[in-house]
Protein backbone atom coordinates (compact mmCIF):
# COMPACT_ATOMS: atom_id res chain seq x y z
CA MET A 1 0.01 0.15 0.01
CA ARG A 2 0.90 3.63 -0.75
CA SER A 3 0.06 6.76 0.71
CA ILE A 4 -0.08 10.05 -0.50
CA LEU A 5 -0.01 13.35 1.29
CA VAL A 6 -1.15 16.52 -0.83
CA VAL A 7 -0.36 19.44 1.65
CA ASN A 8 0.34 23.37 1.31
CA PRO A 9 -0.48 26.13 4.14
CA LYS A 10 -1.71 28.50 1.49
CA GLY A 11 -5.38 28.04 0.73
CA GLY A 12 -6.66 27.86 -2.94
CA CYS A 13 -3.63 26.23 -4.54
CA GLY A 14 -5.66 23.41 -5.73
CA LYS A 15 -4.89 20.74 -2.95
CA THR A 16 -8.67 18.86 -3.38
CA THR A 17 -8.23 18.88 -7.18
CA ILE A 18 -4.96 16.87 -7.06
CA ALA A 19 -6.46 14.69 -4.49
CA THR A 20 -9.55 13.79 -6.40
CA ASN A 21 -8.18 13.68 -9.47
CA LEU A 22 -5.27 11.27 -8.28
CA ALA A 23 -7.96 9.25 -6.47
CA THR A 24 -10.11 8.67 -9.90
CA TYR A 25 -6.62 7.81 -11.78
CA TYR A 26 -6.30 4.89 -9.63
CA ALA A 27 -10.06 4.23 -9.65
CA VAL A 28 -9.88 3.89 -13.44
CA TRP A 29 -7.21 1.44 -13.30
CA ASN A 30 -8.91 -0.68 -10.67
CA THR A 31 -6.54 0.14 -8.07
CA SER A 32 -8.53 0.34 -4.44
CA THR A 33 -8.16 3.51 -3.24
CA VAL A 34 -9.05 5.54 -0.13
CA LEU A 35 -9.69 9.34 -0.01
CA VAL A 36 -8.92 10.87 3.41
CA ASP A 37 -10.39 14.31 4.24
CA LEU A 38 -8.86 16.55 6.90
CA ASP A 39 -10.54 19.72 5.85
CA PRO A 40 -13.07 20.96 8.20
CA GLN A 41 -14.82 22.35 4.63
CA GLN A 42 -15.04 18.69 3.61
CA SER A 43 -14.57 19.54 -0.29
CA SER A 44 -13.26 15.73 -0.91
CA MET A 45 -16.25 14.19 0.84
CA GLU A 46 -18.65 16.55 -0.95
CA TRP A 47 -17.26 15.63 -4.43
CA LEU A 48 -17.48 11.79 -3.04
CA ARG A 49 -21.14 12.59 -2.51
CA VAL A 50 -22.00 13.75 -5.76
CA ARG A 51 -19.99 10.78 -7.59
CA PRO A 52 -22.00 8.91 -9.88
CA ASP A 53 -22.70 5.25 -8.92
CA SER A 54 -21.59 4.37 -12.69
CA GLU A 55 -18.10 5.10 -11.59
CA VAL A 56 -15.87 2.91 -9.86
CA ALA A 57 -16.21 3.27 -6.00
CA ILE A 58 -13.84 5.38 -4.13
CA GLN A 59 -13.77 4.95 -0.07
CA GLY A 60 -13.89 8.25 1.66
CA PHE A 61 -13.10 9.15 5.49
CA ASN A 62 -13.86 12.12 7.17
CA GLY A 63 -10.15 12.51 8.74
CA LEU A 64 -11.42 14.69 11.37
CA HIS A 65 -13.51 11.93 13.40
CA GLY A 66 -10.51 9.97 14.25
CA LYS A 67 -8.85 6.64 12.98
CA ILE A 68 -10.02 5.46 9.44
CA TYR A 69 -10.77 1.94 8.39
CA PRO A 70 -9.74 1.14 5.10
CA LYS A 71 -10.77 -1.96 3.45
CA PRO A 72 -8.14 -4.91 3.60
CA ASP A 73 -7.57 -4.73 -0.18
CA THR A 74 -6.69 -1.16 -0.10
CA GLN A 75 -3.59 -0.10 -2.18
CA ARG A 76 -3.43 3.80 -2.25
CA ILE A 77 -4.55 6.32 0.56
CA ILE A 78 -4.81 9.87 -0.32
CA TYR A 79 -4.73 12.37 2.28
CA ASP A 80 -6.33 15.67 1.37
CA VAL A 81 -4.86 18.36 4.24
CA PRO A 82 -6.30 21.84 4.89
CA ALA A 83 -4.52 25.34 4.99
CA ARG A 84 -2.99 26.27 7.67
CA THR A 85 -2.34 23.10 9.15
CA ASP A 86 0.03 23.57 12.11
CA SER A 87 3.76 21.86 11.75
CA ALA A 88 3.19 19.66 14.25
CA LYS A 89 0.00 17.95 12.81
CA VAL A 90 1.89 17.65 9.50
CA ALA A 91 4.70 16.19 11.07
CA ARG A 92 2.43 13.50 12.32
CA LEU A 93 1.24 12.72 8.83
CA ILE A 94 4.48 12.58 7.33
CA LYS A 95 5.22 9.55 9.49
CA LEU A 96 2.38 7.83 7.75
CA VAL A 97 3.00 8.70 4.12
CA ASP A 98 5.16 7.58 1.42
CA VAL A 99 4.54 10.56 -0.77
CA VAL A 100 4.04 14.15 -0.31
CA ILE A 101 2.95 16.51 -3.15
CA ILE A 102 3.08 20.32 -2.58
CA PRO A 103 0.96 22.16 -5.37
CA VAL A 104 2.36 25.67 -5.70
CA LEU A 105 0.30 28.49 -7.93
CA PRO A 106 2.23 30.93 -10.02
CA SER A 107 1.82 33.96 -7.75
CA ALA A 108 4.57 35.84 -5.74
CA LEU A 109 2.49 35.35 -2.40
CA ASP A 110 2.27 31.61 -2.85
CA ILE A 111 5.97 31.27 -4.01
CA ARG A 112 7.37 33.20 -1.01
CA VAL A 113 4.88 31.06 1.53
CA SER A 114 5.93 28.06 -0.29
CA ALA A 115 9.57 28.53 -0.01
CA SER A 116 9.76 28.24 3.66
CA PHE A 117 7.01 25.45 3.72
CA VAL A 118 8.98 23.48 1.31
CA ALA A 119 12.06 23.73 3.47
CA ASP A 120 10.40 22.97 6.84
CA ILE A 121 8.81 19.79 4.97
CA VAL A 122 12.06 18.46 3.71
CA SER A 123 13.70 19.03 7.30
CA ARG A 124 10.40 17.18 8.70
CA ILE A 125 10.70 14.27 6.35
CA ARG A 126 14.48 13.95 6.80
CA ALA A 127 13.77 13.52 10.91
CA ASN A 128 10.42 11.88 11.00
CA ASN A 129 10.36 9.65 7.80
CA ALA A 130 13.38 9.58 5.68
CA LYS A 131 11.97 7.03 3.08
CA ALA A 132 9.05 9.34 2.13
CA ILE A 133 9.57 11.56 -1.05
CA VAL A 134 8.54 15.04 -1.69
CA GLY A 135 7.77 17.06 -4.92
CA VAL A 136 6.10 20.02 -5.87
CA VAL A 137 3.47 20.51 -8.56
CA ALA A 138 3.05 23.88 -10.50
CA ASN A 139 -0.85 24.28 -10.48
CA ARG A 140 -3.36 26.09 -12.20
CA THR A 141 -0.82 27.64 -14.76
CA HIS A 142 -0.73 29.67 -17.55
CA ARG A 143 2.60 28.85 -19.65
CA HIS A 144 2.50 31.96 -21.55
CA TYR A 145 2.05 34.11 -18.69
CA ASN A 146 5.38 35.79 -16.95
CA SER A 147 3.95 34.51 -13.39
CA TYR A 148 4.35 31.10 -14.72
CA GLN A 149 7.98 31.83 -15.80
CA VAL A 150 8.82 33.12 -12.42
CA LEU A 151 7.26 30.15 -10.52
CA GLU A 152 9.02 27.84 -12.99
CA LYS A 153 12.50 29.27 -12.05
CA PHE A 154 11.56 29.16 -8.43
CA LEU A 155 10.66 25.67 -8.32
CA ASN A 156 13.84 24.49 -10.65
CA SER A 157 15.86 26.17 -7.78
CA LEU A 158 14.54 23.90 -5.09
CA ASP A 159 16.56 20.79 -3.73
CA ILE A 160 13.54 18.75 -4.41
CA PRO A 161 11.99 17.46 -7.56
CA PHE A 162 9.60 19.63 -9.51
CA VAL A 163 7.68 16.93 -10.77
CA GLY A 164 4.89 18.54 -13.12
CA THR A 165 2.66 21.14 -14.46
CA LEU A 166 -1.15 21.32 -14.32
CA ARG A 167 -2.49 23.98 -16.73
CA ASN A 168 -5.63 26.33 -15.52
CA SER A 169 -8.28 24.02 -17.11
CA GLN A 170 -12.03 24.27 -17.13
CA ASN A 171 -12.24 20.57 -17.08
CA TYR A 172 -11.43 20.37 -13.29
CA ILE A 173 -14.01 22.68 -12.63
CA LYS A 174 -16.57 20.45 -14.42
CA ALA A 175 -14.89 17.31 -12.84
CA ALA A 176 -15.45 18.69 -9.26
CA ASP A 177 -18.90 19.60 -10.04
CA THR A 178 -19.85 16.05 -11.29
CA GLY A 179 -18.07 14.07 -8.88
CA VAL A 180 -15.63 12.49 -11.49
CA GLY A 181 -12.08 13.22 -12.51
CA ILE A 182 -10.33 14.02 -15.85
CA PHE A 183 -9.54 10.30 -16.31
CA GLU A 184 -13.45 9.50 -16.36
CA MET A 185 -14.32 12.33 -18.65
CA PRO A 186 -14.44 11.72 -22.61
CA ILE A 187 -10.71 11.75 -23.79
CA GLY A 188 -11.56 14.12 -26.46
CA GLN A 189 -11.92 16.85 -24.03
CA VAL A 190 -9.12 16.03 -21.50
CA LYS A 191 -6.26 14.72 -23.60
CA GLN A 192 -3.97 17.63 -22.97
CA ASP A 193 -5.07 17.40 -19.31
CA MET A 194 -4.17 13.62 -18.98
CA GLU A 195 -0.70 14.06 -20.80
CA GLU A 196 0.14 16.68 -17.84
CA TRP A 197 -0.30 14.01 -15.21
CA LYS A 198 1.95 11.48 -16.99
CA PRO A 199 5.27 12.74 -15.23
CA ILE A 200 3.45 13.01 -11.97
CA ILE A 201 2.12 9.55 -11.87
CA HIS A 202 5.44 8.55 -13.08
CA TRP A 203 7.17 10.16 -10.30
CA ILE A 204 4.67 8.85 -7.72
CA GLU A 205 4.83 5.10 -9.01
CA LYS A 206 8.42 4.92 -9.83
CA LYS A 207 10.38 2.10 -8.06
CA ARG A 208 13.05 3.33 -6.18
CA THR A 209 16.31 1.56 -4.76
CA PRO A 210 16.16 0.81 -1.07
CA GLU A 211 18.28 2.61 1.19
């Protein structure tokens, strides 16, 4: 089983979008998946509530209610972490996971907030769970905007992987409204978005040499 933490202290950077769409990727490939919503707003759980019965089931938990009980055959657990989660709680969560994804928006404020957060996360992983991997995803981007160039330069300067870029696509809004992910939408509509996920999925699933 592999556990994935999607986290950033800055609100509005698309953590739930990444968590829900990642869950549907695994669902499409018949990988038993659990989505744990730790946000008081419970956006991931609301998304699951409108999810069509025709789609592959994803087991969901309100992580604020204490212990979760994944099915025995669970292969992936995805944690959707709210903004402003205190560092002590993040440290506890890091002990539980194999992968940490930090989504960052192309704005000066997000870059400044993320710089110190990334440094803190890296130090906590080294202290609490050296086997976990951490990577940054540029989210809701417009590649031809100057803000994207600034973000790309910042991400490439980090001492952790810059694992992918997701464009600012209306497909994510449609998916959120209907309880699906882009991997479950007509391919003619979402081909570009699906292509952008390939390096992210590859990085998450890549086999690594044990230390």
